[in-house]
Amino acid sequence: MSTPAASPTPERAGKRSVSLPQSLMKEVEIRTGKSGFSAVVSEALEQWLAVAKLREAVEADEGEFGPVSDEAMRRAESEW
């Protein structure tokens, strides 16, 4: 039987200064309060990074194997 993985230690936060449109900041703060702002930015950056990594993987795959054929796309869509 495997043992459960230990809980990861929370990573220490860093600070960056960013410029954002004031209207965007106000809308986020209305929904989260000022204390939730960093969490929203962190979540958005995590999602952006995941998409960027996925794009890089697809581009590398296409570079090695070429683009996905129309037929393969149709088969994948029909199985989905």
C-alpha atoms as a PDB file:
ATOM      1  CA  MET A   1       0.000   0.000   0.000  1.00  0.00           C
ATOM      2  CA  SER A   2       1.391   3.418  -0.889  1.00  0.00           C
ATOM      3  CA  THR A   3       1.671   6.205   1.618  1.00  0.00           C
ATOM      4  CA  PRO A   4      -0.060   9.497   0.907  1.00  0.00           C
ATOM      5  CA  ALA A   5       2.134  12.262  -0.411  1.00  0.00           C
ATOM      6  CA  ALA A   6       3.143  14.860   2.118  1.00  0.00           C
ATOM      7  CA  SER A   7       1.419  18.217   1.822  1.00  0.00           C
ATOM      8  CA  PRO A   8       3.661  20.612  -0.055  1.00  0.00           C
ATOM      9  CA  THR A   9       5.005  23.484   1.955  1.00  0.00           C
ATOM     10  CA  PRO A  10       3.421  26.722   0.743  1.00  0.00           C
ATOM     11  CA  GLU A  11       5.807  28.595  -1.476  1.00  0.00           C
ATOM     12  CA  ARG A  12       7.016  31.915  -0.168  1.00  0.00           C
ATOM     13  CA  ALA A  13       5.343  34.828  -1.933  1.00  0.00           C
ATOM     14  CA  GLY A  14       7.304  37.374  -3.911  1.00  0.00           C
ATOM     15  CA  LYS A  15       6.380  40.905  -4.852  1.00  0.00           C
ATOM     16  CA  ARG A  16       6.203  42.517  -8.269  1.00  0.00           C
ATOM     17  CA  SER A  17       4.974  45.884  -9.322  1.00  0.00           C
ATOM     18  CA  VAL A  18       2.568  45.699 -12.245  1.00  0.00           C
ATOM     19  CA  SER A  19       0.515  48.323 -14.024  1.00  0.00           C
ATOM     20  CA  LEU A  20      -3.120  47.415 -14.618  1.00  0.00           C
ATOM     21  CA  PRO A  21      -6.084  49.415 -15.856  1.00  0.00           C
ATOM     22  CA  GLN A  22      -7.812  50.958 -12.845  1.00  0.00           C
ATOM     23  CA  SER A  23     -11.205  49.809 -14.085  1.00  0.00           C
ATOM     24  CA  LEU A  24      -9.965  46.195 -14.058  1.00  0.00           C
ATOM     25  CA  MET A  25      -8.557  46.528 -10.546  1.00  0.00           C
ATOM     26  CA  LYS A  26     -11.796  48.060  -9.278  1.00  0.00           C
ATOM     27  CA  GLU A  27     -13.927  45.276 -10.759  1.00  0.00           C
ATOM     28  CA  VAL A  28     -11.733  42.593  -9.190  1.00  0.00           C
ATOM     29  CA  GLU A  29     -11.728  44.342  -5.811  1.00  0.00           C
ATOM     30  CA  ILE A  30     -15.515  44.682  -5.866  1.00  0.00           C
ATOM     31  CA  ARG A  31     -15.755  40.904  -6.168  1.00  0.00           C
ATOM     32  CA  THR A  32     -12.866  39.870  -3.904  1.00  0.00           C
ATOM     33  CA  GLY A  33     -12.036  42.764  -1.642  1.00  0.00           C
ATOM     34  CA  LYS A  34      -8.486  44.074  -1.549  1.00  0.00           C
ATOM     35  CA  SER A  35      -7.253  40.998   0.324  1.00  0.00           C
ATOM     36  CA  GLY A  36      -8.341  38.652  -2.490  1.00  0.00           C
ATOM     37  CA  PHE A  37      -6.690  40.587  -5.298  1.00  0.00           C
ATOM     38  CA  SER A  38      -3.360  38.726  -5.152  1.00  0.00           C
ATOM     39  CA  ALA A  39      -5.108  35.349  -5.199  1.00  0.00           C
ATOM     40  CA  VAL A  40      -7.010  36.323  -8.360  1.00  0.00           C
ATOM     41  CA  VAL A  41      -3.827  37.494 -10.077  1.00  0.00           C
ATOM     42  CA  SER A  42      -1.984  34.339  -9.006  1.00  0.00           C
ATOM     43  CA  GLU A  43      -4.768  32.084 -10.313  1.00  0.00           C
ATOM     44  CA  ALA A  44      -4.912  33.974 -13.616  1.00  0.00           C
ATOM     45  CA  LEU A  45      -1.149  33.668 -14.074  1.00  0.00           C
ATOM     46  CA  GLU A  46      -1.238  29.938 -13.266  1.00  0.00           C
ATOM     47  CA  GLN A  47      -3.916  29.436 -15.923  1.00  0.00           C
ATOM     48  CA  TRP A  48      -1.999  31.542 -18.452  1.00  0.00           C
ATOM     49  CA  LEU A  49       1.183  29.555 -17.777  1.00  0.00           C
ATOM     50  CA  ALA A  50      -0.635  26.229 -18.193  1.00  0.00           C
ATOM     51  CA  VAL A  51      -1.993  27.357 -21.579  1.00  0.00           C
ATOM     52  CA  ALA A  52       1.445  28.641 -22.650  1.00  0.00           C
ATOM     53  CA  LYS A  53       3.052  25.291 -21.737  1.00  0.00           C
ATOM     54  CA  LEU A  54       0.350  23.405 -23.635  1.00  0.00           C
ATOM     55  CA  ARG A  55       0.930  25.579 -26.722  1.00  0.00           C
ATOM     56  CA  GLU A  56       4.676  24.907 -26.483  1.00  0.00           C
ATOM     57  CA  ALA A  57       4.041  21.149 -26.301  1.00  0.00           C
ATOM     58  CA  VAL A  58       1.708  21.259 -29.315  1.00  0.00           C
ATOM     59  CA  GLU A  59       4.190  23.344 -31.305  1.00  0.00           C
ATOM     60  CA  ALA A  60       7.025  20.932 -30.456  1.00  0.00           C
ATOM     61  CA  ASP A  61       4.856  17.970 -31.455  1.00  0.00           C
ATOM     62  CA  GLU A  62       3.870  19.637 -34.736  1.00  0.00           C
ATOM     63  CA  GLY A  63       7.519  20.463 -35.377  1.00  0.00           C
ATOM     64  CA  GLU A  64       8.484  16.820 -34.948  1.00  0.00           C
ATOM     65  CA  PHE A  65       5.477  15.085 -36.511  1.00  0.00           C
ATOM     66  CA  GLY A  66       3.771  17.762 -38.596  1.00  0.00           C
ATOM     67  CA  PRO A  67       0.264  19.136 -38.189  1.00  0.00           C
ATOM     68  CA  VAL A  68      -2.659  16.913 -37.270  1.00  0.00           C
ATOM     69  CA  SER A  69      -4.398  15.714 -40.422  1.00  0.00           C
ATOM     70  CA  ASP A  70      -8.022  16.590 -41.112  1.00  0.00           C
ATOM     71  CA  GLU A  71      -8.899  12.890 -40.960  1.00  0.00           C
ATOM     72  CA  ALA A  72      -7.288  12.464 -37.533  1.00  0.00           C
ATOM     73  CA  MET A  73      -9.129  15.560 -36.325  1.00  0.00           C
ATOM     74  CA  ARG A  74     -12.469  14.178 -37.554  1.00  0.00           C
ATOM     75  CA  ARG A  75     -11.815  10.818 -35.841  1.00  0.00           C
ATOM     76  CA  ALA A  76     -10.894  12.520 -32.565  1.00  0.00           C
ATOM     77  CA  GLU A  77     -13.950  14.766 -32.685  1.00  0.00           C
ATOM     78  CA  SER A  78     -16.269  11.839 -33.428  1.00  0.00           C
ATOM     79  CA  GLU A  79     -14.829   9.832 -30.505  1.00  0.00           C
ATOM     80  CA  TRP A  80     -15.220  12.775 -28.172  1.00  0.00           C
END
